[in-house]
Amino acid sequence: MKVLIVDDEVNIRSTMSKFFAIEDIDSDGAENGFSAQRMLAENPYDAVLVDLRMPGMDGLSLIRWIRSEGFRMPVIMISAHGDIADAVSALKEGAQDYIVKPFDPEELCIKIKSLVESSTLRSIVENAKATEEEQSSFVGESSQIVHIREVVKKIAPSNVTVLITGESGTGKEVVAREIHSFSSVSSGPFVAINIGGVPENLLESELFGYEKGAFTGASQRKTGMFELAGGGTLFLDEIGDMPLPLQVKILRVLQDRKITRLGGTTPMPINARIIAATNKDLEQMVREGTFREDLFYRLNVVRIEIPPLRERSDDIPLLAASIISRYNRSMGTKITGFTPEALEMLKKHEFYGNVRELENVLERSMIFAEGSIIKVEDLDLRGSIQRAGGVRKIHTSDHEDAVTLKDIEKSAIIRSLQRWEGNRTHAAEELGISRRTLISKIAEYDIEL
């Protein structure tokens, strides 16, 4: 478990970090909200502790940003002021709890562990028998999608292990469901688990289950994912996040088709089909020694690479129509289509968040659209994230064609300076330029700090 402590008082960060270490909880410290944003974008955390009053960005603003970015980990607000109004505001913005300084570190630890465990149990397992309206079909008529659809139908009847790769948001789980729906076990469950969303100390018991008395707190037998998926499909999402020690056990399962519950002694056969997915470069991970070569080959029997949406923009009209139809049912709206200009705007936009970003854009547009047709002014693409050289850059214009390289450079400098609260040395390091160059750019673009 890893916790991010966001507090402008170094003594509090240091004290809490030392106590967490005693409780076997890893932690990082951020001195302000801007530093916390950068750290959250670069590292996975199981929980976040946020101080209410901080210079630059206060705790409520940070929590609002955390939720708007889609982070789902538990957030606890901490404050030296026991104001009920602040507590209510924190909970409204998405905090799970509110505690007042000074607090008992032991009680805080118990609270964090409880919240993380509850969050994990709510989010890691998806019931395979979701209704048809809740599921997306694999939509598209581009040559890449037609080929993938042909491969899916060809491999589905067999029990071959499949590895699905592609960027985040491209629809890897959708393809896994398509394989399941065409398979001979389609009447069985489709059980999905996000490997990266499960704390390492809980992952093995979630996958394999455990016997009563296997460890402290194991008051009754627990059925694991491999058993739950029996007669159906087990989807191991983000397999690249699998810890190395557990990779050995997964390899053995794929070889022997048997599992043993934690605390048990009797191997049990499993009859679940295994489909894995990742947005990481597993071949590079094998070369670096962070992913086992033998497990890679066991998973990579049949590989399906899903192209990013920006490489199949001709599929956007079909995808948009499917998404709108689904949201009309769930939201009670009656959107029937787009103006030609709005549709062309969508097709020209580079969706670095892929289908997931397209869904977010359309959902937002459907809420604010006047009438039954989505127009250009209803499309808000300013929140789109672009990637260039591994750096996250926020799109700053409604119309991508209107953004020049100077606009992008100026925006990147401004945002970096904001994150580092005007510290030019740190901003220059983040941007990969010298401090002298940064000062020259600030003058060139007339940036006011």
Foldseek 3Di string as FASTA:
>chain_A
DEEEEEALDPVVVVVLQVVCVVVVYHYDYHNHLLSVVVCVVPDDGQEYEAEQDHPQAGRLRSLLVCVVVPPDHAYEYEYQDPDVVVQVSSVVSPHPYYYYPPDDSVVVVVVNVVRSVVSQVVPFKDKQPDDPLVAFAQFFDDPLSVVLLVVLLVPLQDLAFEEEEEAAQLCRVNSVLSSQCNYPLVVFIEIEGEQVSDPLVCVQCQAFWAAQPLDPPSNHTGHHPQANQASGAYEYEACLPRFPVVLVVVLVCLVVQWGAHRVGDDIDHGHHRYYYYHHDDVVVCCVVVRHPPSSVVSNVPDYRYRYACLVRLVRVQVLLQSLVVSCCVVVVAQADEEDPVLSVQSSPDRQPNGSVVVSVQSVQLRVPDDDRYRYLVSGAQQQGWDDDPNDTFTRHDSHPVPADPLNRVVRLLVSLCSSVVNPLCSSCVVVVHHSVVSVVSCVVVVPDD
